[in-house]
Amino acid sequence: MRVARVAVTAAVVVAAAGAVGAMRAATRLDRLHVRTDAAWAALDAALGSRARAVMGVDAMGVDGGSAALRGAADAALLAGLDPALRTAGRWAHRAGLAVREDVENELGRVLAVLDRGGLESACADRLADAEQRAMIARRVYNDAVRDTLALRSHRMVRWLRLAGTAALPRYFEIAEPALAGYGLELDGAGA
């Protein structure tokens, strides 16, 4: 009789600990999904800001690729206005996200060959700032995606289906520009 009581008590304690662990994992997962959504909003805003900064450069009448610059900036702004990517269920639209990556990479390629020596210093600074912010926002977003995917891969989260019907977030991969010419140090070594 006494052994049965001890066994039942141990089972209740183990079940309670499991329930508390599941609740903590579910709460953490919810917070990570919110963090990922907020990071996406910041990345979307930073990419839009970069495209608008490029439009400002194009408005100055920069020679050598102005048509390519305007076309890439227009495409980036239009891709940023896609309502499918602005909704909470954007992860279901993976093809749209891939198109956005392609458009942003094309803008990055055009910016990589842009001669910045002929720009006004204020315009060049605005463009450099916009590029740096977009790069940092992409890193923050991808870090949030990494953390979310890591927690979603845990056995307890998968078995108990704590993620519910939420789609898996997806990394946003665009080429990062070489910003060494601006004197910017993003790796922390020079800061």
N, C-alpha and C. Protein backbone atom coordinates (compact mmCIF):
# COMPACT_ATOMS: atom_id res chain seq x y z
N MET A 1 0.82 -1.19 0.00
CA MET A 1 0.00 0.00 0.00
C MET A 1 0.86 1.26 0.00
N ARG A 2 1.87 1.23 0.85
CA ARG A 2 2.75 2.38 0.97
C ARG A 2 3.55 2.55 -0.32
N VAL A 3 3.96 1.47 -0.94
CA VAL A 3 4.71 1.52 -2.19
C VAL A 3 3.84 2.10 -3.30
N ALA A 4 2.58 1.75 -3.31
CA ALA A 4 1.66 2.27 -4.33
C ALA A 4 1.50 3.78 -4.18
N ARG A 5 1.42 4.25 -2.93
CA ARG A 5 1.30 5.69 -2.69
C ARG A 5 2.54 6.44 -3.17
N VAL A 6 3.69 5.89 -2.90
CA VAL A 6 4.94 6.51 -3.32
C VAL A 6 5.01 6.53 -4.85
N ALA A 7 4.60 5.45 -5.48
CA ALA A 7 4.62 5.38 -6.95
C ALA A 7 3.66 6.39 -7.55
N VAL A 8 2.45 6.50 -6.96
CA VAL A 8 1.47 7.47 -7.46
C VAL A 8 1.98 8.89 -7.25
N THR A 9 2.56 9.16 -6.10
CA THR A 9 3.10 10.48 -5.81
C THR A 9 4.23 10.82 -6.78
N ALA A 10 5.10 9.87 -7.05
CA ALA A 10 6.20 10.09 -8.00
C ALA A 10 5.66 10.33 -9.40
N ALA A 11 4.64 9.60 -9.79
CA ALA A 11 4.03 9.78 -11.11
C ALA A 11 3.40 11.16 -11.23
N VAL A 12 2.73 11.61 -10.16
CA VAL A 12 2.12 12.94 -10.17
C VAL A 12 3.19 14.02 -10.25
N VAL A 13 4.28 13.87 -9.54
CA VAL A 13 5.37 14.85 -9.57
C VAL A 13 6.00 14.89 -10.96
N VAL A 14 6.22 13.72 -11.56
CA VAL A 14 6.81 13.68 -12.90
C VAL A 14 5.85 14.31 -13.92
N ALA A 15 4.56 14.02 -13.80
CA ALA A 15 3.58 14.59 -14.72
C ALA A 15 3.50 16.11 -14.56
N ALA A 16 3.54 16.57 -13.33
CA ALA A 16 3.50 18.02 -13.08
C ALA A 16 4.75 18.70 -13.65
N ALA A 17 5.90 18.07 -13.46
CA ALA A 17 7.13 18.64 -14.01
C ALA A 17 7.08 18.66 -15.54
N GLY A 18 6.53 17.62 -16.13
CA GLY A 18 6.37 17.59 -17.59
C GLY A 18 5.43 18.66 -18.07
N ALA A 19 4.34 18.87 -17.35
CA ALA A 19 3.37 19.90 -17.73
C ALA A 19 3.99 21.29 -17.62
N VAL A 20 4.74 21.51 -16.55
CA VAL A 20 5.41 22.81 -16.39
C VAL A 20 6.43 23.02 -17.51
N GLY A 21 7.17 21.98 -17.84
CA GLY A 21 8.14 22.08 -18.93
C GLY A 21 7.47 22.35 -20.26
N ALA A 22 6.33 21.70 -20.51
CA ALA A 22 5.60 21.93 -21.75
C ALA A 22 5.04 23.34 -21.80
N MET A 23 4.55 23.84 -20.69
CA MET A 23 4.04 25.21 -20.65
C MET A 23 5.16 26.22 -20.90
N ARG A 24 6.30 25.98 -20.31
CA ARG A 24 7.44 26.89 -20.52
C ARG A 24 7.89 26.86 -21.98
N ALA A 25 7.94 25.67 -22.57
CA ALA A 25 8.33 25.56 -23.98
C ALA A 25 7.31 26.24 -24.89
N ALA A 26 6.04 26.09 -24.60
CA ALA A 26 5.00 26.72 -25.41
C ALA A 26 5.08 28.24 -25.30
N THR A 27 5.32 28.74 -24.10
CA THR A 27 5.46 30.19 -23.91
C THR A 27 6.68 30.71 -24.63
N ARG A 28 7.78 30.01 -24.52
CA ARG A 28 9.01 30.42 -25.21
C ARG A 28 8.81 30.39 -26.72
N LEU A 29 8.14 29.36 -27.22
CA LEU A 29 7.90 29.27 -28.65
C LEU A 29 7.01 30.41 -29.14
N ASP A 30 6.00 30.74 -28.35
CA ASP A 30 5.14 31.87 -28.72
C ASP A 30 5.95 33.17 -28.76
N ARG A 31 6.79 33.37 -27.79
CA ARG A 31 7.63 34.58 -27.77
C ARG A 31 8.59 34.62 -28.95
N LEU A 32 9.12 33.47 -29.32
CA LEU A 32 10.02 33.42 -30.48
C LEU A 32 9.29 33.73 -31.78
N HIS A 33 8.06 33.25 -31.89
CA HIS A 33 7.28 33.57 -33.09
C HIS A 33 6.98 35.06 -33.14
N VAL A 34 6.67 35.65 -32.01
CA VAL A 34 6.44 37.11 -31.96
C VAL A 34 7.72 37.85 -32.32
N ARG A 35 8.83 37.39 -31.78
CA ARG A 35 10.13 38.01 -32.09
C ARG A 35 10.45 37.91 -33.58
N THR A 36 10.16 36.76 -34.18
CA THR A 36 10.40 36.57 -35.60
C THR A 36 9.52 37.52 -36.41
N ASP A 37 8.26 37.66 -36.03
CA ASP A 37 7.37 38.58 -36.74
C ASP A 37 7.85 40.03 -36.61
N ALA A 38 8.28 40.41 -35.43
CA ALA A 38 8.78 41.78 -35.23
C ALA A 38 10.07 42.01 -36.02
N ALA A 39 10.93 41.01 -36.05
CA ALA A 39 12.17 41.13 -36.81
C ALA A 39 11.88 41.23 -38.30
N TRP A 40 10.86 40.49 -38.78
CA TRP A 40 10.49 40.61 -40.19
C TRP A 40 9.99 42.02 -40.51
N ALA A 41 9.17 42.58 -39.61
CA ALA A 41 8.67 43.93 -39.83
C ALA A 41 9.83 44.93 -39.90
N ALA A 42 10.82 44.76 -39.03
CA ALA A 42 11.98 45.65 -39.05
C ALA A 42 12.80 45.45 -40.32
N LEU A 43 12.96 44.21 -40.75
CA LEU A 43 13.69 43.94 -41.99
C LEU A 43 12.96 44.52 -43.19
N ASP A 44 11.66 44.35 -43.23
CA ASP A 44 10.86 44.89 -44.33
C ASP A 44 11.00 46.41 -44.38
N ALA A 45 10.95 47.06 -43.22
CA ALA A 45 11.10 48.51 -43.17
C ALA A 45 12.50 48.94 -43.61
N ALA A 46 13.51 48.20 -43.19
CA ALA A 46 14.89 48.55 -43.55
C ALA A 46 15.12 48.37 -45.05
N LEU A 47 14.55 47.32 -45.62
CA LEU A 47 14.70 47.12 -47.06
C LEU A 47 13.97 48.21 -47.84
N GLY A 48 12.81 48.61 -47.35
CA GLY A 48 12.08 49.72 -47.98
C GLY A 48 12.85 51.03 -47.87
N SER A 49 13.46 51.24 -46.74
CA SER A 49 14.27 52.45 -46.54
C SER A 49 15.47 52.45 -47.48
N ARG A 50 16.07 51.29 -47.67
CA ARG A 50 17.21 51.20 -48.59
C ARG A 50 16.76 51.52 -50.01
N ALA A 51 15.62 50.98 -50.42
CA ALA A 51 15.11 51.25 -51.77
C ALA A 51 14.79 52.73 -51.94
N ARG A 52 14.22 53.37 -50.90
CA ARG A 52 13.93 54.80 -51.00
C ARG A 52 15.21 55.63 -51.04
N ALA A 53 16.23 55.19 -50.33
CA ALA A 53 17.53 55.90 -50.39
C ALA A 53 18.12 55.79 -51.79
N VAL A 54 17.95 54.65 -52.42
CA VAL A 54 18.44 54.47 -53.79
C VAL A 54 17.65 55.37 -54.73
N MET A 55 16.35 55.51 -54.49
CA MET A 55 15.54 56.42 -55.32
C MET A 55 16.04 57.85 -55.17
N GLY A 56 16.49 58.22 -53.98
CA GLY A 56 17.06 59.55 -53.76
C GLY A 56 18.36 59.73 -54.53
N VAL A 57 19.16 58.68 -54.60
CA VAL A 57 20.40 58.73 -55.38
C VAL A 57 20.05 58.88 -56.84
N ASP A 58 19.06 58.14 -57.30
CA ASP A 58 18.65 58.19 -58.70
C ASP A 58 18.08 59.56 -59.04
N ALA A 59 17.41 60.19 -58.10
CA ALA A 59 16.83 61.52 -58.34
C ALA A 59 17.92 62.56 -58.58
N MET A 60 19.13 62.28 -58.07
CA MET A 60 20.25 63.21 -58.28
C MET A 60 20.79 63.10 -59.70
N GLY A 61 20.34 62.09 -60.45
CA GLY A 61 20.81 61.95 -61.82
C GLY A 61 22.20 61.37 -61.90
N VAL A 62 22.45 60.31 -61.13
CA VAL A 62 23.77 59.68 -61.14
C VAL A 62 24.01 59.05 -62.50
N ASP A 63 25.17 59.30 -63.08
CA ASP A 63 25.51 58.72 -64.37
C ASP A 63 25.97 57.29 -64.19
N GLY A 64 25.92 56.55 -65.28
CA GLY A 64 26.46 55.18 -65.26
C GLY A 64 25.53 54.21 -64.58
N GLY A 65 24.46 53.81 -65.25
CA GLY A 65 23.58 52.80 -64.68
C GLY A 65 22.38 53.36 -63.98
N SER A 66 22.00 54.59 -64.29
CA SER A 66 20.85 55.18 -63.64
C SER A 66 19.57 54.41 -63.94
N ALA A 67 19.44 53.91 -65.16
CA ALA A 67 18.25 53.14 -65.52
C ALA A 67 18.21 51.83 -64.73
N ALA A 68 19.36 51.18 -64.60
CA ALA A 68 19.42 49.94 -63.83
C ALA A 68 19.15 50.21 -62.36
N LEU A 69 19.66 51.33 -61.87
CA LEU A 69 19.45 51.72 -60.48
C LEU A 69 17.97 51.97 -60.21
N ARG A 70 17.33 52.75 -61.07
CA ARG A 70 15.92 53.04 -60.90
C ARG A 70 15.08 51.77 -61.03
N GLY A 71 15.39 50.93 -62.00
CA GLY A 71 14.63 49.69 -62.18
C GLY A 71 14.74 48.77 -60.98
N ALA A 72 15.94 48.63 -60.44
CA ALA A 72 16.13 47.76 -59.28
C ALA A 72 15.42 48.34 -58.04
N ALA A 73 15.50 49.66 -57.86
CA ALA A 73 14.84 50.28 -56.71
C ALA A 73 13.32 50.19 -56.84
N ASP A 74 12.80 50.41 -58.06
CA ASP A 74 11.35 50.27 -58.27
C ASP A 74 10.89 48.85 -57.98
N ALA A 75 11.64 47.88 -58.46
CA ALA A 75 11.28 46.47 -58.23
C ALA A 75 11.31 46.15 -56.74
N ALA A 76 12.29 46.67 -56.03
CA ALA A 76 12.39 46.41 -54.59
C ALA A 76 11.21 47.05 -53.84
N LEU A 77 10.86 48.27 -54.23
CA LEU A 77 9.72 48.92 -53.58
C LEU A 77 8.42 48.17 -53.87
N LEU A 78 8.24 47.72 -55.10
CA LEU A 78 7.03 46.97 -55.44
C LEU A 78 6.99 45.63 -54.72
N ALA A 79 8.12 44.96 -54.60
CA ALA A 79 8.16 43.69 -53.88
C ALA A 79 7.83 43.90 -52.41
N GLY A 80 8.24 45.03 -51.86
CA GLY A 80 7.94 45.33 -50.47
C GLY A 80 6.47 45.64 -50.23
N LEU A 81 5.76 46.00 -51.29
CA LEU A 81 4.34 46.31 -51.16
C LEU A 81 3.44 45.10 -51.37
N ASP A 82 4.02 43.95 -51.65
CA ASP A 82 3.25 42.73 -51.89
C ASP A 82 2.45 42.38 -50.63
N PRO A 83 1.12 42.41 -50.71
CA PRO A 83 0.31 42.14 -49.51
C PRO A 83 0.48 40.73 -48.97
N ALA A 84 0.85 39.79 -49.83
CA ALA A 84 1.03 38.41 -49.37
C ALA A 84 2.18 38.31 -48.37
N LEU A 85 3.18 39.18 -48.52
CA LEU A 85 4.32 39.14 -47.61
C LEU A 85 4.09 39.97 -46.36
N ARG A 86 3.08 40.79 -46.34
CA ARG A 86 2.82 41.65 -45.19
C ARG A 86 1.87 41.00 -44.19
N THR A 87 1.25 39.90 -44.55
CA THR A 87 0.28 39.27 -43.65
C THR A 87 0.99 38.36 -42.67
N ALA A 88 0.28 37.98 -41.63
CA ALA A 88 0.87 37.10 -40.61
C ALA A 88 1.17 35.72 -41.18
N GLY A 89 0.46 35.31 -42.22
CA GLY A 89 0.67 34.00 -42.79
C GLY A 89 1.66 34.02 -43.94
N ARG A 90 2.62 34.93 -43.89
CA ARG A 90 3.55 35.09 -45.02
C ARG A 90 4.41 33.84 -45.24
N TRP A 91 4.57 33.00 -44.24
CA TRP A 91 5.44 31.83 -44.42
C TRP A 91 4.81 30.84 -45.38
N ALA A 92 3.51 30.94 -45.59
CA ALA A 92 2.87 30.06 -46.55
C ALA A 92 3.19 30.51 -47.98
N HIS A 93 3.69 31.70 -48.14
CA HIS A 93 4.00 32.26 -49.47
C HIS A 93 5.51 32.23 -49.70
N ARG A 94 6.09 31.05 -49.65
CA ARG A 94 7.53 30.91 -49.81
C ARG A 94 8.01 31.37 -51.18
N ALA A 95 7.19 31.18 -52.20
CA ALA A 95 7.58 31.63 -53.55
C ALA A 95 7.69 33.15 -53.57
N GLY A 96 6.78 33.83 -52.89
CA GLY A 96 6.84 35.29 -52.83
C GLY A 96 8.07 35.76 -52.09
N LEU A 97 8.46 35.05 -51.05
CA LEU A 97 9.66 35.42 -50.30
C LEU A 97 10.91 35.20 -51.14
N ALA A 98 10.92 34.16 -51.95
CA ALA A 98 12.06 33.90 -52.84
C ALA A 98 12.16 35.00 -53.89
N VAL A 99 11.03 35.46 -54.39
CA VAL A 99 11.04 36.56 -55.36
C VAL A 99 11.59 37.81 -54.70
N ARG A 100 11.19 38.06 -53.47
CA ARG A 100 11.68 39.25 -52.75
C ARG A 100 13.19 39.15 -52.56
N GLU A 101 13.70 37.97 -52.23
CA GLU A 101 15.15 37.79 -52.11
C GLU A 101 15.85 38.11 -53.43
N ASP A 102 15.29 37.62 -54.53
CA ASP A 102 15.90 37.87 -55.84
C ASP A 102 15.92 39.36 -56.17
N VAL A 103 14.82 40.04 -55.88
CA VAL A 103 14.73 41.48 -56.17
C VAL A 103 15.73 42.25 -55.32
N GLU A 104 15.82 41.92 -54.05
CA GLU A 104 16.75 42.62 -53.16
C GLU A 104 18.20 42.32 -53.54
N ASN A 105 18.47 41.09 -53.99
CA ASN A 105 19.82 40.77 -54.44
C ASN A 105 20.18 41.55 -55.70
N GLU A 106 19.22 41.73 -56.59
CA GLU A 106 19.47 42.52 -57.80
C GLU A 106 19.79 43.97 -57.43
N LEU A 107 19.04 44.52 -56.48
CA LEU A 107 19.34 45.88 -56.01
C LEU A 107 20.72 45.94 -55.40
N GLY A 108 21.08 44.92 -54.64
CA GLY A 108 22.42 44.86 -54.05
C GLY A 108 23.52 44.81 -55.10
N ARG A 109 23.28 44.05 -56.18
CA ARG A 109 24.27 43.98 -57.26
C ARG A 109 24.44 45.33 -57.95
N VAL A 110 23.34 46.03 -58.16
CA VAL A 110 23.41 47.35 -58.79
C VAL A 110 24.14 48.32 -57.86
N LEU A 111 23.88 48.24 -56.58
CA LEU A 111 24.56 49.13 -55.63
C LEU A 111 26.05 48.81 -55.51
N ALA A 112 26.40 47.55 -55.71
CA ALA A 112 27.81 47.16 -55.60
C ALA A 112 28.66 47.82 -56.68
N VAL A 113 28.08 48.08 -57.83
CA VAL A 113 28.85 48.68 -58.92
C VAL A 113 28.63 50.19 -59.03
N LEU A 114 27.84 50.75 -58.14
CA LEU A 114 27.58 52.18 -58.15
C LEU A 114 28.83 52.95 -57.75
N ASP A 115 29.17 53.95 -58.54
CA ASP A 115 30.30 54.81 -58.21
C ASP A 115 29.83 55.85 -57.19
N ARG A 116 30.23 55.67 -55.97
CA ARG A 116 29.77 56.54 -54.89
C ARG A 116 30.60 57.81 -54.74
N GLY A 117 31.68 57.86 -55.50
CA GLY A 117 32.54 59.05 -55.43
C GLY A 117 31.86 60.30 -55.94
N GLY A 118 30.92 60.16 -56.87
CA GLY A 118 30.24 61.31 -57.44
C GLY A 118 29.02 61.75 -56.66
N LEU A 119 28.72 61.09 -55.57
CA LEU A 119 27.54 61.43 -54.77
C LEU A 119 27.85 62.53 -53.78
N GLU A 120 26.84 63.32 -53.45
CA GLU A 120 26.98 64.28 -52.35
C GLU A 120 27.23 63.48 -51.07
N SER A 121 27.94 64.07 -50.16
CA SER A 121 28.27 63.33 -48.94
C SER A 121 27.03 62.97 -48.14
N ALA A 122 26.03 63.86 -48.09
CA ALA A 122 24.81 63.56 -47.34
C ALA A 122 24.07 62.39 -47.98
N CYS A 123 24.02 62.37 -49.29
CA CYS A 123 23.34 61.29 -50.00
C CYS A 123 24.09 59.97 -49.82
N ALA A 124 25.41 60.03 -49.92
CA ALA A 124 26.22 58.82 -49.73
C ALA A 124 26.08 58.29 -48.30
N ASP A 125 26.04 59.21 -47.34
CA ASP A 125 25.87 58.80 -45.94
C ASP A 125 24.50 58.16 -45.72
N ARG A 126 23.46 58.74 -46.32
CA ARG A 126 22.11 58.19 -46.20
C ARG A 126 22.04 56.79 -46.80
N LEU A 127 22.67 56.62 -47.94
CA LEU A 127 22.68 55.31 -48.60
C LEU A 127 23.46 54.29 -47.78
N ALA A 128 24.62 54.69 -47.28
CA ALA A 128 25.42 53.78 -46.46
C ALA A 128 24.67 53.39 -45.18
N ASP A 129 23.99 54.35 -44.58
CA ASP A 129 23.21 54.07 -43.37
C ASP A 129 22.08 53.10 -43.67
N ALA A 130 21.39 53.33 -44.78
CA ALA A 130 20.28 52.44 -45.15
C ALA A 130 20.78 51.03 -45.43
N GLU A 131 21.93 50.90 -46.10
CA GLU A 131 22.48 49.57 -46.37
C GLU A 131 22.89 48.88 -45.08
N GLN A 132 23.50 49.64 -44.18
CA GLN A 132 23.94 49.05 -42.91
C GLN A 132 22.73 48.60 -42.09
N ARG A 133 21.69 49.41 -42.05
CA ARG A 133 20.49 49.04 -41.30
C ARG A 133 19.82 47.80 -41.88
N ALA A 134 19.78 47.69 -43.20
CA ALA A 134 19.20 46.52 -43.84
C ALA A 134 20.01 45.27 -43.51
N MET A 135 21.32 45.41 -43.49
CA MET A 135 22.18 44.27 -43.19
C MET A 135 21.99 43.82 -41.73
N ILE A 136 21.92 44.76 -40.83
CA ILE A 136 21.73 44.42 -39.42
C ILE A 136 20.35 43.82 -39.20
N ALA A 137 19.33 44.39 -39.84
CA ALA A 137 17.97 43.86 -39.69
C ALA A 137 17.88 42.44 -40.23
N ARG A 138 18.58 42.15 -41.33
CA ARG A 138 18.57 40.79 -41.87
C ARG A 138 19.22 39.82 -40.89
N ARG A 139 20.31 40.25 -40.28
CA ARG A 139 20.97 39.38 -39.30
C ARG A 139 20.10 39.11 -38.10
N VAL A 140 19.43 40.15 -37.60
CA VAL A 140 18.53 40.00 -36.44
C VAL A 140 17.39 39.06 -36.80
N TYR A 141 16.81 39.25 -37.97
CA TYR A 141 15.72 38.39 -38.41
C TYR A 141 16.18 36.93 -38.53
N ASN A 142 17.30 36.71 -39.18
CA ASN A 142 17.79 35.33 -39.35
C ASN A 142 18.15 34.71 -38.00
N ASP A 143 18.62 35.51 -37.05
CA ASP A 143 18.87 34.99 -35.70
C ASP A 143 17.56 34.55 -35.04
N ALA A 144 16.51 35.33 -35.22
CA ALA A 144 15.20 34.97 -34.65
C ALA A 144 14.68 33.69 -35.30
N VAL A 145 14.85 33.57 -36.60
CA VAL A 145 14.42 32.36 -37.30
C VAL A 145 15.21 31.15 -36.80
N ARG A 146 16.53 31.33 -36.64
CA ARG A 146 17.37 30.22 -36.14
C ARG A 146 16.90 29.75 -34.77
N ASP A 147 16.64 30.70 -33.86
CA ASP A 147 16.21 30.33 -32.52
C ASP A 147 14.84 29.64 -32.54
N THR A 148 13.94 30.14 -33.38
CA THR A 148 12.61 29.53 -33.48
C THR A 148 12.70 28.12 -34.02
N LEU A 149 13.48 27.94 -35.07
CA LEU A 149 13.62 26.60 -35.65
C LEU A 149 14.30 25.65 -34.68
N ALA A 150 15.25 26.15 -33.90
CA ALA A 150 15.93 25.30 -32.93
C ALA A 150 14.95 24.79 -31.87
N LEU A 151 14.10 25.67 -31.37
CA LEU A 151 13.14 25.23 -30.35
C LEU A 151 12.09 24.30 -30.97
N ARG A 152 11.68 24.60 -32.19
CA ARG A 152 10.68 23.75 -32.83
C ARG A 152 11.22 22.37 -33.15
N SER A 153 12.53 22.20 -33.18
CA SER A 153 13.11 20.89 -33.46
C SER A 153 13.21 20.02 -32.21
N HIS A 154 12.96 20.59 -31.03
CA HIS A 154 13.01 19.79 -29.80
C HIS A 154 11.92 18.73 -29.82
N ARG A 155 12.26 17.59 -29.27
CA ARG A 155 11.38 16.43 -29.29
C ARG A 155 10.04 16.72 -28.62
N MET A 156 10.06 17.34 -27.44
CA MET A 156 8.83 17.60 -26.71
C MET A 156 7.92 18.55 -27.51
N VAL A 157 8.50 19.55 -28.14
CA VAL A 157 7.72 20.50 -28.93
C VAL A 157 7.07 19.80 -30.12
N ARG A 158 7.81 18.91 -30.75
CA ARG A 158 7.26 18.17 -31.90
C ARG A 158 6.19 17.18 -31.45
N TRP A 159 6.47 16.40 -30.41
CA TRP A 159 5.55 15.37 -29.97
C TRP A 159 4.23 15.96 -29.47
N LEU A 160 4.33 17.05 -28.71
CA LEU A 160 3.12 17.67 -28.17
C LEU A 160 2.51 18.68 -29.14
N ARG A 161 3.16 18.87 -30.26
CA ARG A 161 2.70 19.81 -31.30
C ARG A 161 2.42 21.18 -30.72
N LEU A 162 3.39 21.68 -29.99
CA LEU A 162 3.23 22.97 -29.32
C LEU A 162 3.22 24.14 -30.29
N ALA A 163 3.72 23.94 -31.50
CA ALA A 163 3.72 25.03 -32.48
C ALA A 163 2.36 25.19 -33.13
N GLY A 164 1.47 24.27 -32.91
CA GLY A 164 0.15 24.36 -33.49
C GLY A 164 0.22 24.28 -35.01
N THR A 165 -0.49 25.18 -35.67
CA THR A 165 -0.53 25.17 -37.13
C THR A 165 0.39 26.22 -37.73
N ALA A 166 1.20 26.85 -36.92
CA ALA A 166 2.11 27.88 -37.43
C ALA A 166 3.12 27.27 -38.38
N ALA A 167 3.28 27.90 -39.52
CA ALA A 167 4.24 27.42 -40.51
C ALA A 167 5.65 27.72 -40.03
N LEU A 168 6.59 26.94 -40.54
CA LEU A 168 7.99 27.18 -40.19
C LEU A 168 8.47 28.49 -40.78
N PRO A 169 9.14 29.31 -40.00
CA PRO A 169 9.72 30.52 -40.58
C PRO A 169 10.88 30.16 -41.51
N ARG A 170 11.22 31.06 -42.38
CA ARG A 170 12.23 30.81 -43.40
C ARG A 170 13.29 31.90 -43.33
N TYR A 171 14.53 31.49 -43.49
CA TYR A 171 15.62 32.46 -43.52
C TYR A 171 15.46 33.39 -44.71
N PHE A 172 15.93 34.63 -44.57
CA PHE A 172 15.92 35.58 -45.67
C PHE A 172 17.38 35.79 -46.08
N GLU A 173 17.72 35.25 -47.23
CA GLU A 173 19.11 35.26 -47.67
C GLU A 173 19.33 36.25 -48.80
N ILE A 174 20.06 37.30 -48.50
CA ILE A 174 20.50 38.22 -49.53
C ILE A 174 21.99 38.46 -49.32
N ALA A 175 22.65 38.82 -50.40
CA ALA A 175 24.09 39.07 -50.32
C ALA A 175 24.32 40.37 -49.56
N GLU A 176 25.30 40.33 -48.67
CA GLU A 176 25.64 41.53 -47.91
C GLU A 176 26.69 42.32 -48.67
N PRO A 177 26.49 43.62 -48.75
CA PRO A 177 27.49 44.45 -49.45
C PRO A 177 28.75 44.58 -48.61
N ALA A 178 29.84 44.81 -49.28
CA ALA A 178 31.10 45.09 -48.58
C ALA A 178 31.09 46.56 -48.21
N LEU A 179 30.98 46.84 -46.93
CA LEU A 179 30.87 48.22 -46.48
C LEU A 179 32.19 48.76 -45.93
N ALA A 180 33.29 48.11 -46.23
CA ALA A 180 34.57 48.54 -45.67
C ALA A 180 34.93 49.96 -46.12
N GLY A 181 34.50 50.37 -47.29
CA GLY A 181 34.81 51.69 -47.79
C GLY A 181 34.19 52.81 -46.98
N TYR A 182 33.21 52.48 -46.15
CA TYR A 182 32.54 53.48 -45.34
C TYR A 182 33.14 53.62 -43.96
N GLY A 183 34.05 52.72 -43.61
CA GLY A 183 34.62 52.75 -42.29
C GLY A 183 33.70 52.14 -41.26
N LEU A 184 32.75 51.33 -41.67
CA LEU A 184 31.81 50.72 -40.75
C LEU A 184 32.34 49.38 -40.29
N GLU A 185 32.26 49.12 -39.02
CA GLU A 185 32.73 47.86 -38.46
C GLU A 185 31.53 47.20 -37.78
N LEU A 186 31.05 46.13 -38.37
CA LEU A 186 29.88 45.46 -37.83
C LEU A 186 30.21 44.19 -37.06
N ASP A 187 31.47 43.78 -37.09
CA ASP A 187 31.80 42.53 -36.40
C ASP A 187 32.19 42.76 -34.95
N GLY A 188 32.23 44.00 -34.50
CA GLY A 188 32.55 44.29 -33.12
C GLY A 188 34.02 44.46 -32.84
N ALA A 189 34.87 44.12 -33.81
CA ALA A 189 36.31 44.20 -33.58
C ALA A 189 36.78 45.65 -33.51
N GLY A 190 36.15 46.52 -34.27
CA GLY A 190 36.61 47.90 -34.30
C GLY A 190 35.77 48.84 -33.47
N ALA A 191 34.73 48.31 -32.84
CA ALA A 191 33.83 49.20 -32.09
C ALA A 191 34.22 49.27 -30.65
